């Protein structure tokens, strides 16, 4: 269990959130963060070794939770008997997306920073990480369909990347444009219907 934040750490964290939201990570000023928190830069470094470390302290829990849960969902689907996977297609992923929407709105500010303000940090590739995971498991599922005797159209990796990237870039528009939760849930579910219908069409031989 991590230690509770000290009052100084909490002040720096809150000032960092304001600065990162206003300017994004690259333009955010460590000196301004320290000033807004009412501490010296020396006190800042006593709490966080760098601006990067402060940003990580804010977004890492959300990053890890979303990625880890995503992999768990994919593994859960993969462990189903191959004969049952086609009838489950979209079930686990929709459950995950609904969970993720709830999680995002329970941790809105850190998630917004992760998606909208993480340029030049190690979290900048977060969406692409999700895309790569989805690509891997999509390929596995296509092989399962072929092993079951289904005719599946050959789709080149670049096209799969384009399609999957559109999914995740689309979903995270709810953060970029500050959708209200109910609107986000409805819009994303409709988008998922559109996405699944598109996959069903493109996989036809």
N, C-alpha and C. Protein backbone atom coordinates (compact mmCIF):
# COMPACT_ATOMS: atom_id res chain seq x y z
N UNK A 1 0.85 -1.20 0.00
CA UNK A 1 0.00 0.00 0.00
C UNK A 1 0.88 1.25 0.00
N UNK A 2 0.58 2.21 -0.87
CA UNK A 2 1.37 3.43 -0.92
C UNK A 2 1.09 4.31 0.29
N UNK A 3 2.10 5.09 0.66
CA UNK A 3 1.94 5.98 1.80
C UNK A 3 1.00 7.13 1.46
N UNK A 4 0.25 7.63 2.46
CA UNK A 4 -0.58 8.82 2.21
C UNK A 4 0.30 10.01 1.83
N UNK A 5 -0.23 10.89 1.01
CA UNK A 5 0.52 12.08 0.62
C UNK A 5 0.65 13.04 1.79
N UNK A 6 1.79 13.69 1.89
CA UNK A 6 1.94 14.76 2.86
C UNK A 6 1.17 15.99 2.36
N UNK A 7 0.98 16.96 3.23
CA UNK A 7 0.28 18.18 2.82
C UNK A 7 1.03 18.88 1.69
N UNK A 8 2.35 18.89 1.77
CA UNK A 8 3.15 19.53 0.72
C UNK A 8 3.00 18.79 -0.60
N UNK A 9 3.08 17.47 -0.55
CA UNK A 9 2.89 16.68 -1.77
C UNK A 9 1.52 16.92 -2.38
N UNK A 10 0.50 17.00 -1.54
CA UNK A 10 -0.86 17.22 -2.03
C UNK A 10 -0.98 18.59 -2.70
N UNK A 11 -0.37 19.61 -2.11
CA UNK A 11 -0.41 20.94 -2.71
C UNK A 11 0.29 20.95 -4.07
N UNK A 12 1.44 20.28 -4.13
CA UNK A 12 2.18 20.21 -5.40
C UNK A 12 1.37 19.45 -6.44
N UNK A 13 0.74 18.36 -6.01
CA UNK A 13 -0.07 17.56 -6.93
C UNK A 13 -1.21 18.39 -7.50
N UNK A 14 -1.91 19.13 -6.65
CA UNK A 14 -3.04 19.95 -7.10
C UNK A 14 -2.57 21.06 -8.03
N UNK A 15 -1.43 21.69 -7.69
CA UNK A 15 -0.89 22.74 -8.55
C UNK A 15 -0.44 22.15 -9.89
N UNK A 16 0.13 20.96 -9.84
CA UNK A 16 0.56 20.28 -11.07
C UNK A 16 -0.61 19.97 -11.98
N UNK A 17 -1.69 19.50 -11.40
CA UNK A 17 -2.88 19.20 -12.20
C UNK A 17 -3.36 20.45 -12.93
N UNK A 18 -3.44 21.57 -12.21
CA UNK A 18 -3.88 22.82 -12.83
C UNK A 18 -2.95 23.25 -13.96
N UNK A 19 -1.64 23.14 -13.72
CA UNK A 19 -0.66 23.56 -14.72
C UNK A 19 -0.68 22.65 -15.94
N UNK A 20 -0.75 21.35 -15.72
CA UNK A 20 -0.77 20.40 -16.84
C UNK A 20 -2.04 20.55 -17.67
N UNK A 21 -3.16 20.75 -17.00
CA UNK A 21 -4.42 20.93 -17.74
C UNK A 21 -4.39 22.21 -18.57
N UNK A 22 -3.81 23.25 -18.03
CA UNK A 22 -3.80 24.54 -18.71
C UNK A 22 -2.82 24.58 -19.88
N UNK A 23 -1.67 23.90 -19.72
CA UNK A 23 -0.59 24.07 -20.69
C UNK A 23 -0.14 22.79 -21.37
N UNK A 24 -0.60 21.63 -20.88
CA UNK A 24 -0.03 20.38 -21.37
C UNK A 24 1.32 20.14 -20.72
N UNK A 25 1.82 18.91 -20.81
CA UNK A 25 3.06 18.60 -20.12
C UNK A 25 4.26 19.39 -20.63
N UNK A 26 4.51 19.47 -21.95
CA UNK A 26 5.75 20.11 -22.41
C UNK A 26 5.89 21.56 -21.95
N UNK A 27 4.80 22.31 -21.99
CA UNK A 27 4.87 23.74 -21.66
C UNK A 27 4.69 24.02 -20.17
N UNK A 28 4.31 23.02 -19.42
CA UNK A 28 4.09 23.22 -17.98
C UNK A 28 5.42 23.58 -17.31
N UNK A 29 5.37 24.54 -16.41
CA UNK A 29 6.57 25.04 -15.74
C UNK A 29 6.68 24.48 -14.33
N UNK A 30 7.80 23.82 -14.06
CA UNK A 30 8.03 23.31 -12.71
C UNK A 30 8.05 24.46 -11.71
N UNK A 31 8.67 25.56 -12.09
CA UNK A 31 8.72 26.72 -11.18
C UNK A 31 7.33 27.26 -10.89
N UNK A 32 6.48 27.31 -11.92
CA UNK A 32 5.11 27.78 -11.71
C UNK A 32 4.34 26.84 -10.81
N UNK A 33 4.56 25.55 -10.99
CA UNK A 33 3.89 24.56 -10.13
C UNK A 33 4.30 24.78 -8.68
N UNK A 34 5.60 24.94 -8.46
CA UNK A 34 6.09 25.16 -7.09
C UNK A 34 5.51 26.45 -6.52
N UNK A 35 5.50 27.50 -7.35
CA UNK A 35 4.97 28.79 -6.89
C UNK A 35 3.49 28.69 -6.53
N UNK A 36 2.70 28.04 -7.39
CA UNK A 36 1.27 27.89 -7.11
C UNK A 36 1.02 27.05 -5.86
N UNK A 37 1.93 26.11 -5.61
CA UNK A 37 1.79 25.27 -4.42
C UNK A 37 2.30 25.96 -3.17
N UNK A 38 2.97 27.11 -3.34
CA UNK A 38 3.50 27.85 -2.21
C UNK A 38 4.74 27.22 -1.61
N UNK A 39 5.53 26.58 -2.47
CA UNK A 39 6.76 25.93 -1.98
C UNK A 39 7.93 26.36 -2.87
N UNK A 40 9.14 26.14 -2.38
CA UNK A 40 10.32 26.41 -3.19
C UNK A 40 10.56 25.26 -4.16
N UNK A 41 11.39 25.53 -5.18
CA UNK A 41 11.73 24.43 -6.10
C UNK A 41 12.48 23.34 -5.36
N UNK A 42 13.25 23.72 -4.36
CA UNK A 42 13.94 22.71 -3.55
C UNK A 42 12.95 21.80 -2.84
N UNK A 43 11.88 22.40 -2.30
CA UNK A 43 10.85 21.59 -1.65
C UNK A 43 10.15 20.69 -2.66
N UNK A 44 9.96 21.21 -3.88
CA UNK A 44 9.36 20.38 -4.94
C UNK A 44 10.21 19.14 -5.15
N UNK A 45 11.52 19.35 -5.34
CA UNK A 45 12.40 18.21 -5.61
C UNK A 45 12.49 17.27 -4.41
N UNK A 46 12.20 17.78 -3.23
CA UNK A 46 12.17 16.91 -2.06
C UNK A 46 10.98 15.97 -2.08
N UNK A 47 9.95 16.34 -2.84
CA UNK A 47 8.74 15.51 -2.94
C UNK A 47 8.69 14.69 -4.22
N UNK A 48 9.12 15.30 -5.32
CA UNK A 48 9.10 14.64 -6.62
C UNK A 48 10.43 14.91 -7.32
N UNK A 49 11.10 13.89 -7.81
CA UNK A 49 12.43 14.10 -8.41
C UNK A 49 12.41 14.88 -9.72
N UNK A 50 11.26 15.01 -10.35
CA UNK A 50 11.19 15.71 -11.64
C UNK A 50 9.74 16.03 -11.97
N UNK A 51 9.57 16.85 -13.00
CA UNK A 51 8.23 17.14 -13.52
C UNK A 51 7.60 15.86 -14.04
N UNK A 52 8.41 15.01 -14.68
CA UNK A 52 7.91 13.72 -15.18
C UNK A 52 7.36 12.87 -14.04
N UNK A 53 8.08 12.86 -12.92
CA UNK A 53 7.65 12.04 -11.79
C UNK A 53 6.33 12.55 -11.21
N UNK A 54 6.15 13.86 -11.21
CA UNK A 54 4.89 14.43 -10.74
C UNK A 54 3.75 14.01 -11.66
N UNK A 55 3.97 14.12 -12.95
CA UNK A 55 2.93 13.73 -13.90
C UNK A 55 2.59 12.25 -13.73
N UNK A 56 3.62 11.43 -13.57
CA UNK A 56 3.39 9.99 -13.38
C UNK A 56 2.59 9.72 -12.12
N UNK A 57 2.86 10.46 -11.06
CA UNK A 57 2.12 10.25 -9.81
C UNK A 57 0.63 10.51 -9.99
N UNK A 58 0.31 11.40 -10.92
CA UNK A 58 -1.10 11.73 -11.17
C UNK A 58 -1.78 10.70 -12.07
N UNK A 59 -1.11 10.28 -13.15
CA UNK A 59 -1.79 9.48 -14.17
C UNK A 59 -1.49 7.99 -14.13
N UNK A 60 -0.41 7.58 -13.49
CA UNK A 60 -0.04 6.16 -13.51
C UNK A 60 -1.14 5.23 -13.02
N UNK A 61 -1.84 5.54 -11.92
CA UNK A 61 -2.90 4.62 -11.48
C UNK A 61 -3.97 4.40 -12.55
N UNK A 62 -4.37 5.46 -13.25
CA UNK A 62 -5.38 5.31 -14.30
C UNK A 62 -4.83 4.53 -15.49
N UNK A 63 -3.62 4.87 -15.88
CA UNK A 63 -2.97 4.16 -16.98
C UNK A 63 -2.92 2.66 -16.70
N UNK A 64 -2.42 2.29 -15.54
CA UNK A 64 -2.25 0.87 -15.20
C UNK A 64 -3.59 0.16 -15.11
N UNK A 65 -4.56 0.80 -14.49
CA UNK A 65 -5.86 0.16 -14.31
C UNK A 65 -6.54 -0.10 -15.65
N UNK A 66 -6.52 0.89 -16.55
CA UNK A 66 -7.19 0.74 -17.84
C UNK A 66 -6.50 -0.31 -18.70
N UNK A 67 -5.16 -0.27 -18.75
CA UNK A 67 -4.42 -1.24 -19.55
C UNK A 67 -4.56 -2.65 -18.98
N UNK A 68 -4.37 -2.79 -17.67
CA UNK A 68 -4.43 -4.12 -17.05
C UNK A 68 -5.80 -4.76 -17.22
N UNK A 69 -6.84 -3.96 -17.02
CA UNK A 69 -8.19 -4.50 -17.16
C UNK A 69 -8.47 -4.87 -18.63
N UNK A 70 -7.91 -4.11 -19.55
CA UNK A 70 -8.08 -4.40 -20.97
C UNK A 70 -7.46 -5.75 -21.33
N UNK A 71 -6.25 -5.98 -20.85
CA UNK A 71 -5.58 -7.26 -21.11
C UNK A 71 -6.35 -8.41 -20.46
N UNK A 72 -6.84 -8.19 -19.25
CA UNK A 72 -7.64 -9.23 -18.58
C UNK A 72 -8.87 -9.59 -19.40
N UNK A 73 -9.53 -8.58 -19.96
CA UNK A 73 -10.71 -8.84 -20.79
C UNK A 73 -10.34 -9.65 -22.02
N UNK A 74 -9.24 -9.29 -22.66
CA UNK A 74 -8.81 -10.02 -23.85
C UNK A 74 -8.48 -11.47 -23.51
N UNK A 75 -7.81 -11.68 -22.40
CA UNK A 75 -7.45 -13.03 -21.99
C UNK A 75 -8.69 -13.85 -21.63
N UNK A 76 -9.64 -13.19 -21.00
CA UNK A 76 -10.89 -13.87 -20.65
C UNK A 76 -11.58 -14.39 -21.90
N UNK A 77 -11.60 -13.58 -22.96
CA UNK A 77 -12.21 -14.00 -24.21
C UNK A 77 -11.41 -15.14 -24.84
N UNK A 78 -10.09 -15.02 -24.84
CA UNK A 78 -9.23 -16.02 -25.47
C UNK A 78 -9.35 -17.39 -24.79
N UNK A 79 -9.62 -17.39 -23.49
CA UNK A 79 -9.71 -18.65 -22.75
C UNK A 79 -11.04 -19.38 -22.95
N UNK A 80 -12.00 -18.71 -23.60
CA UNK A 80 -13.24 -19.40 -23.93
C UNK A 80 -12.94 -20.53 -24.91
N UNK A 81 -13.72 -21.62 -24.87
CA UNK A 81 -13.56 -22.64 -25.92
C UNK A 81 -13.70 -21.99 -27.29
N UNK A 82 -12.87 -22.40 -28.22
CA UNK A 82 -12.88 -21.76 -29.54
C UNK A 82 -14.27 -21.79 -30.18
N UNK A 83 -15.00 -22.86 -29.95
CA UNK A 83 -16.33 -22.98 -30.57
C UNK A 83 -17.32 -21.95 -30.03
N UNK A 84 -17.04 -21.41 -28.83
CA UNK A 84 -17.95 -20.44 -28.22
C UNK A 84 -17.54 -18.99 -28.50
N UNK A 85 -16.34 -18.80 -29.00
CA UNK A 85 -15.86 -17.43 -29.19
C UNK A 85 -16.70 -16.61 -30.17
N UNK A 86 -17.11 -17.17 -31.31
CA UNK A 86 -17.92 -16.35 -32.23
C UNK A 86 -19.21 -15.81 -31.61
N UNK A 87 -19.87 -16.61 -30.79
CA UNK A 87 -21.13 -16.16 -30.19
C UNK A 87 -20.89 -15.14 -29.07
N UNK A 88 -19.66 -15.08 -28.57
CA UNK A 88 -19.31 -14.11 -27.52
C UNK A 88 -18.70 -12.84 -28.09
N UNK A 89 -18.49 -12.81 -29.40
CA UNK A 89 -17.82 -11.67 -30.01
C UNK A 89 -18.56 -10.38 -29.67
N UNK A 90 -17.86 -9.45 -29.06
CA UNK A 90 -18.44 -8.16 -28.70
C UNK A 90 -19.00 -8.10 -27.29
N UNK A 91 -19.24 -9.26 -26.66
CA UNK A 91 -19.83 -9.26 -25.32
C UNK A 91 -18.84 -8.73 -24.29
N UNK A 92 -17.68 -9.39 -24.21
CA UNK A 92 -16.67 -8.98 -23.24
C UNK A 92 -16.16 -7.57 -23.51
N UNK A 93 -15.98 -7.24 -24.80
CA UNK A 93 -15.46 -5.91 -25.13
C UNK A 93 -16.44 -4.81 -24.74
N UNK A 94 -17.73 -5.05 -24.94
CA UNK A 94 -18.73 -4.06 -24.54
C UNK A 94 -18.77 -3.89 -23.03
N UNK A 95 -18.67 -5.01 -22.30
CA UNK A 95 -18.62 -4.93 -20.84
C UNK A 95 -17.41 -4.12 -20.39
N UNK A 96 -16.28 -4.35 -21.06
CA UNK A 96 -15.08 -3.60 -20.71
C UNK A 96 -15.25 -2.11 -20.99
N UNK A 97 -15.80 -1.78 -22.14
CA UNK A 97 -15.98 -0.37 -22.50
C UNK A 97 -16.90 0.32 -21.49
N UNK A 98 -17.96 -0.35 -21.08
CA UNK A 98 -18.86 0.23 -20.08
C UNK A 98 -18.15 0.43 -18.75
N UNK A 99 -17.34 -0.56 -18.38
CA UNK A 99 -16.52 -0.41 -17.16
C UNK A 99 -15.59 0.78 -17.30
N UNK A 100 -14.94 0.90 -18.46
CA UNK A 100 -13.96 1.97 -18.66
C UNK A 100 -14.63 3.34 -18.59
N UNK A 101 -15.82 3.47 -19.15
CA UNK A 101 -16.52 4.75 -19.07
C UNK A 101 -16.79 5.11 -17.61
N UNK A 102 -17.29 4.14 -16.83
CA UNK A 102 -17.50 4.39 -15.40
C UNK A 102 -16.20 4.80 -14.72
N UNK A 103 -15.13 4.09 -15.04
CA UNK A 103 -13.83 4.38 -14.42
C UNK A 103 -13.36 5.78 -14.79
N UNK A 104 -13.47 6.12 -16.06
CA UNK A 104 -13.04 7.45 -16.51
C UNK A 104 -13.77 8.54 -15.75
N UNK A 105 -15.08 8.41 -15.61
CA UNK A 105 -15.84 9.48 -14.97
C UNK A 105 -15.68 9.48 -13.45
N UNK A 106 -15.18 8.38 -12.89
CA UNK A 106 -14.83 8.36 -11.47
C UNK A 106 -13.44 8.93 -11.23
N UNK A 107 -12.63 9.02 -12.29
CA UNK A 107 -11.24 9.53 -12.19
C UNK A 107 -11.00 10.49 -13.36
N UNK A 108 -11.89 11.44 -13.51
CA UNK A 108 -11.95 12.21 -14.74
C UNK A 108 -10.69 13.01 -15.02
N UNK A 109 -10.22 13.76 -14.04
CA UNK A 109 -9.08 14.65 -14.28
C UNK A 109 -7.81 13.86 -14.62
N UNK A 110 -7.43 12.84 -13.84
CA UNK A 110 -6.24 12.08 -14.24
C UNK A 110 -6.39 11.44 -15.62
N UNK A 111 -7.58 10.96 -15.95
CA UNK A 111 -7.79 10.35 -17.27
C UNK A 111 -7.70 11.39 -18.38
N UNK A 112 -8.21 12.58 -18.13
CA UNK A 112 -8.11 13.65 -19.14
C UNK A 112 -6.65 14.04 -19.36
N UNK A 113 -5.89 14.10 -18.28
CA UNK A 113 -4.46 14.39 -18.42
C UNK A 113 -3.76 13.30 -19.23
N UNK A 114 -4.12 12.07 -18.97
CA UNK A 114 -3.51 10.94 -19.68
C UNK A 114 -3.76 11.04 -21.18
N UNK A 115 -4.98 11.36 -21.56
CA UNK A 115 -5.36 11.38 -22.98
C UNK A 115 -4.98 12.69 -23.66
N UNK A 116 -5.15 13.80 -22.97
CA UNK A 116 -5.06 15.11 -23.63
C UNK A 116 -3.77 15.89 -23.35
N UNK A 117 -3.04 15.53 -22.33
CA UNK A 117 -1.92 16.39 -21.89
C UNK A 117 -0.61 15.64 -21.69
N UNK A 118 -0.48 14.45 -22.25
CA UNK A 118 0.68 13.61 -21.95
C UNK A 118 1.79 13.66 -22.99
N UNK A 119 1.72 14.60 -23.92
CA UNK A 119 2.76 14.71 -24.94
C UNK A 119 4.13 14.84 -24.26
N UNK A 120 5.12 14.16 -24.84
CA UNK A 120 6.51 14.19 -24.35
C UNK A 120 6.70 13.44 -23.04
N UNK A 121 5.73 12.65 -22.64
CA UNK A 121 5.91 11.77 -21.48
C UNK A 121 5.86 10.32 -21.96
N UNK A 122 6.18 9.40 -21.07
CA UNK A 122 6.13 7.99 -21.45
C UNK A 122 4.69 7.50 -21.62
N UNK A 123 3.73 8.33 -21.27
CA UNK A 123 2.32 7.97 -21.42
C UNK A 123 1.75 8.43 -22.76
N UNK A 124 2.55 9.13 -23.55
CA UNK A 124 2.04 9.68 -24.81
C UNK A 124 1.58 8.58 -25.76
N UNK A 125 2.14 7.39 -25.63
CA UNK A 125 1.77 6.28 -26.50
C UNK A 125 0.67 5.40 -25.95
N UNK A 126 -0.06 5.89 -24.96
CA UNK A 126 -1.08 5.08 -24.30
C UNK A 126 -2.11 4.51 -25.27
N UNK A 127 -2.67 5.36 -26.12
CA UNK A 127 -3.69 4.88 -27.06
C UNK A 127 -3.08 3.86 -28.01
N UNK A 128 -1.88 4.12 -28.47
CA UNK A 128 -1.24 3.16 -29.38
C UNK A 128 -0.98 1.82 -28.70
N UNK A 129 -0.70 1.84 -27.40
CA UNK A 129 -0.55 0.58 -26.66
C UNK A 129 -1.85 -0.22 -26.71
N UNK A 130 -2.96 0.46 -26.49
CA UNK A 130 -4.24 -0.22 -26.54
C UNK A 130 -4.51 -0.76 -27.95
N UNK A 131 -4.15 0.03 -28.95
CA UNK A 131 -4.32 -0.40 -30.34
C UNK A 131 -3.51 -1.67 -30.60
N UNK A 132 -2.26 -1.70 -30.16
CA UNK A 132 -1.41 -2.86 -30.40
C UNK A 132 -1.95 -4.11 -29.72
N UNK A 133 -2.47 -3.94 -28.51
CA UNK A 133 -3.07 -5.08 -27.81
C UNK A 133 -4.28 -5.60 -28.59
N UNK A 134 -5.13 -4.68 -29.02
CA UNK A 134 -6.32 -5.08 -29.77
C UNK A 134 -5.94 -5.75 -31.09
N UNK A 135 -4.92 -5.25 -31.75
CA UNK A 135 -4.46 -5.85 -33.00
C UNK A 135 -4.01 -7.30 -32.78
N UNK A 136 -3.26 -7.51 -31.72
CA UNK A 136 -2.76 -8.86 -31.42
C UNK A 136 -3.91 -9.84 -31.21
N UNK A 137 -4.89 -9.44 -30.41
CA UNK A 137 -5.99 -10.35 -30.10
C UNK A 137 -6.97 -10.47 -31.26
N UNK A 138 -7.06 -9.44 -32.10
CA UNK A 138 -7.87 -9.55 -33.32
C UNK A 138 -7.29 -10.61 -34.24
N UNK A 139 -5.97 -10.60 -34.39
CA UNK A 139 -5.30 -11.59 -35.23
C UNK A 139 -5.54 -13.00 -34.69
N UNK A 140 -5.47 -13.14 -33.37
CA UNK A 140 -5.73 -14.46 -32.76
C UNK A 140 -7.15 -14.92 -33.07
N UNK A 141 -8.10 -14.00 -32.95
CA UNK A 141 -9.50 -14.37 -33.18
C UNK A 141 -9.73 -14.76 -34.63
N UNK A 142 -9.12 -14.05 -35.56
CA UNK A 142 -9.26 -14.42 -36.97
C UNK A 142 -8.72 -15.83 -37.23
N UNK A 143 -7.63 -16.17 -36.57
CA UNK A 143 -7.08 -17.52 -36.72
C UNK A 143 -8.02 -18.57 -36.13
N UNK A 144 -8.69 -18.21 -35.02
CA UNK A 144 -9.68 -19.13 -34.44
C UNK A 144 -10.82 -19.36 -35.44
N UNK A 145 -11.31 -18.29 -36.04
CA UNK A 145 -12.39 -18.44 -37.02
C UNK A 145 -11.97 -19.36 -38.17
N UNK A 146 -10.76 -19.19 -38.64
CA UNK A 146 -10.27 -20.05 -39.73
C UNK A 146 -10.17 -21.50 -39.28
N UNK A 147 -9.71 -21.70 -38.04
CA UNK A 147 -9.58 -23.08 -37.54
C UNK A 147 -10.94 -23.75 -37.37
N UNK A 148 -11.98 -22.93 -37.20
CA UNK A 148 -13.35 -23.46 -37.09
C UNK A 148 -13.99 -23.67 -38.45
N UNK A 149 -13.28 -23.34 -39.51
CA UNK A 149 -13.79 -23.56 -40.85
C UNK A 149 -14.49 -22.37 -41.47
N UNK A 150 -14.46 -21.22 -40.79
CA UNK A 150 -15.08 -20.01 -41.35
C UNK A 150 -14.17 -19.41 -42.42
N UNK A 151 -14.78 -18.92 -43.48
CA UNK A 151 -14.02 -18.17 -44.48
C UNK A 151 -13.88 -16.73 -43.99
N UNK A 152 -12.64 -16.29 -43.88
CA UNK A 152 -12.36 -14.95 -43.38
C UNK A 152 -11.49 -14.22 -44.41
N UNK A 153 -11.92 -13.04 -44.79
CA UNK A 153 -11.14 -12.26 -45.76
C UNK A 153 -9.77 -11.91 -45.18
N UNK A 154 -8.75 -11.97 -46.01
CA UNK A 154 -7.42 -11.54 -45.59
C UNK A 154 -7.39 -10.01 -45.52
N UNK A 155 -7.01 -9.50 -44.37
CA UNK A 155 -6.93 -8.06 -44.17
C UNK A 155 -5.50 -7.73 -43.76
N UNK A 156 -4.87 -6.82 -44.48
CA UNK A 156 -3.46 -6.55 -44.19
C UNK A 156 -3.30 -5.80 -42.87
N UNK A 157 -2.15 -5.93 -42.21
CA UNK A 157 -1.94 -5.34 -40.89
C UNK A 157 -2.15 -3.83 -40.85
N UNK A 158 -1.77 -3.13 -41.93
CA UNK A 158 -1.95 -1.67 -41.92
C UNK A 158 -3.42 -1.29 -41.88
N UNK A 159 -4.25 -2.06 -42.58
CA UNK A 159 -5.69 -1.78 -42.56
C UNK A 159 -6.27 -2.06 -41.18
N UNK A 160 -5.84 -3.17 -40.58
CA UNK A 160 -6.30 -3.48 -39.22
C UNK A 160 -5.89 -2.36 -38.27
N UNK A 161 -4.67 -1.88 -38.42
CA UNK A 161 -4.20 -0.79 -37.55
C UNK A 161 -5.06 0.45 -37.72
N UNK A 162 -5.40 0.77 -38.95
CA UNK A 162 -6.24 1.94 -39.23
C UNK A 162 -7.60 1.80 -38.55
N UNK A 163 -8.20 0.62 -38.68
CA UNK A 163 -9.54 0.39 -38.12
C UNK A 163 -9.52 0.45 -36.60
N UNK A 164 -8.56 -0.24 -36.01
CA UNK A 164 -8.49 -0.30 -34.55
C UNK A 164 -8.12 1.06 -33.96
N UNK A 165 -7.24 1.78 -34.64
CA UNK A 165 -6.90 3.14 -34.18
C UNK A 165 -8.13 4.04 -34.17
N UNK A 166 -8.96 3.91 -35.19
CA UNK A 166 -10.18 4.72 -35.26
C UNK A 166 -11.09 4.43 -34.07
N UNK A 167 -11.13 3.16 -33.64
CA UNK A 167 -11.96 2.80 -32.48
C UNK A 167 -11.52 3.57 -31.24
N UNK A 168 -10.24 3.46 -30.89
CA UNK A 168 -9.80 4.05 -29.63
C UNK A 168 -9.70 5.56 -29.70
N UNK A 169 -9.27 6.09 -30.83
CA UNK A 169 -9.28 7.55 -30.96
C UNK A 169 -10.70 8.07 -30.83
N UNK A 170 -11.66 7.35 -31.38
CA UNK A 170 -13.06 7.76 -31.29
C UNK A 170 -13.59 7.71 -29.87
N UNK A 171 -13.31 6.61 -29.18
CA UNK A 171 -13.80 6.47 -27.81
C UNK A 171 -13.30 7.60 -26.92
N UNK A 172 -12.02 7.94 -27.06
CA UNK A 172 -11.44 8.94 -26.15
C UNK A 172 -11.78 10.37 -26.53
N UNK A 173 -12.57 10.55 -27.59
CA UNK A 173 -13.13 11.87 -27.86
C UNK A 173 -14.02 12.34 -26.71
N UNK A 174 -14.54 11.40 -25.93
CA UNK A 174 -15.39 11.80 -24.80
C UNK A 174 -14.61 12.62 -23.78
N UNK A 175 -13.29 12.41 -23.72
CA UNK A 175 -12.45 13.22 -22.83
C UNK A 175 -12.00 14.50 -23.51
N UNK A 176 -11.65 14.40 -24.77
CA UNK A 176 -11.17 15.59 -25.48
C UNK A 176 -12.24 16.67 -25.56
N UNK A 177 -13.51 16.24 -25.62
CA UNK A 177 -14.60 17.20 -25.77
C UNK A 177 -15.51 17.26 -24.55
N UNK A 178 -15.06 16.67 -23.45
CA UNK A 178 -15.76 16.79 -22.16
C UNK A 178 -17.24 16.43 -22.24
N UNK A 179 -17.52 15.25 -22.80
CA UNK A 179 -18.90 14.76 -22.82
C UNK A 179 -19.40 14.55 -21.39
N UNK A 180 -20.66 14.83 -21.16
CA UNK A 180 -21.29 14.39 -19.92
C UNK A 180 -21.37 12.87 -19.94
N UNK A 181 -21.37 12.26 -18.76
CA UNK A 181 -21.26 10.80 -18.69
C UNK A 181 -22.37 10.09 -19.44
N UNK A 182 -23.62 10.49 -19.23
CA UNK A 182 -24.74 9.81 -19.90
C UNK A 182 -24.62 9.92 -21.42
N UNK A 183 -24.22 11.08 -21.89
CA UNK A 183 -24.02 11.28 -23.33
C UNK A 183 -22.87 10.40 -23.82
N UNK A 184 -21.79 10.36 -23.05
CA UNK A 184 -20.63 9.54 -23.43
C UNK A 184 -21.01 8.07 -23.55
N UNK A 185 -21.75 7.59 -22.58
CA UNK A 185 -22.14 6.18 -22.59
C UNK A 185 -22.99 5.85 -23.83
N UNK A 186 -23.97 6.70 -24.11
CA UNK A 186 -24.84 6.47 -25.26
C UNK A 186 -24.05 6.56 -26.56
N UNK A 187 -23.21 7.59 -26.68
CA UNK A 187 -22.45 7.79 -27.92
C UNK A 187 -21.48 6.65 -28.17
N UNK A 188 -20.80 6.20 -27.12
CA UNK A 188 -19.81 5.13 -27.29
C UNK A 188 -20.49 3.81 -27.62
N UNK A 189 -21.62 3.52 -27.01
CA UNK A 189 -22.34 2.28 -27.34
C UNK A 189 -22.79 2.30 -28.80
N UNK A 190 -23.27 3.45 -29.28
CA UNK A 190 -23.65 3.54 -30.69
C UNK A 190 -22.42 3.38 -31.60
N UNK A 191 -21.33 3.97 -31.18
CA UNK A 191 -20.08 3.84 -31.94
C UNK A 191 -19.62 2.38 -31.99
N UNK A 192 -19.77 1.66 -30.88
CA UNK A 192 -19.39 0.25 -30.83
C UNK A 192 -20.25 -0.58 -31.78
N UNK A 193 -21.55 -0.25 -31.86
CA UNK A 193 -22.43 -0.95 -32.81
C UNK A 193 -21.95 -0.72 -34.24
N UNK A 194 -21.61 0.51 -34.54
CA UNK A 194 -21.10 0.87 -35.87
C UNK A 194 -19.80 0.11 -36.16
N UNK A 195 -18.92 0.08 -35.18
CA UNK A 195 -17.62 -0.56 -35.33
C UNK A 195 -17.77 -2.06 -35.55
N UNK A 196 -18.62 -2.70 -34.75
CA UNK A 196 -18.81 -4.14 -34.88
C UNK A 196 -19.45 -4.50 -36.21
N UNK A 197 -20.42 -3.70 -36.64
CA UNK A 197 -21.05 -3.95 -37.94
C UNK A 197 -20.04 -3.82 -39.07
N UNK A 198 -19.14 -2.87 -38.93
CA UNK A 198 -18.10 -2.70 -39.94
C UNK A 198 -17.16 -3.89 -40.00
N UNK A 199 -16.78 -4.40 -38.83
CA UNK A 199 -15.92 -5.59 -38.79
C UNK A 199 -16.63 -6.79 -39.42
N UNK A 200 -17.89 -6.97 -39.07
CA UNK A 200 -18.64 -8.10 -39.63
C UNK A 200 -18.67 -8.03 -41.15
N UNK A 201 -18.80 -6.82 -41.68
CA UNK A 201 -18.85 -6.66 -43.14
C UNK A 201 -17.50 -6.92 -43.78
N UNK A 202 -16.46 -6.34 -43.20
CA UNK A 202 -15.15 -6.43 -43.84
C UNK A 202 -14.55 -7.83 -43.75
N UNK A 203 -15.00 -8.62 -42.79
CA UNK A 203 -14.47 -9.98 -42.66
C UNK A 203 -15.17 -10.98 -43.57
N UNK A 204 -16.24 -10.54 -44.22
CA UNK A 204 -16.91 -11.44 -45.16
C UNK A 204 -15.96 -11.79 -46.31
N UNK A 205 -15.93 -13.07 -46.71
CA UNK A 205 -15.04 -13.47 -47.81
C UNK A 205 -15.45 -12.84 -49.14
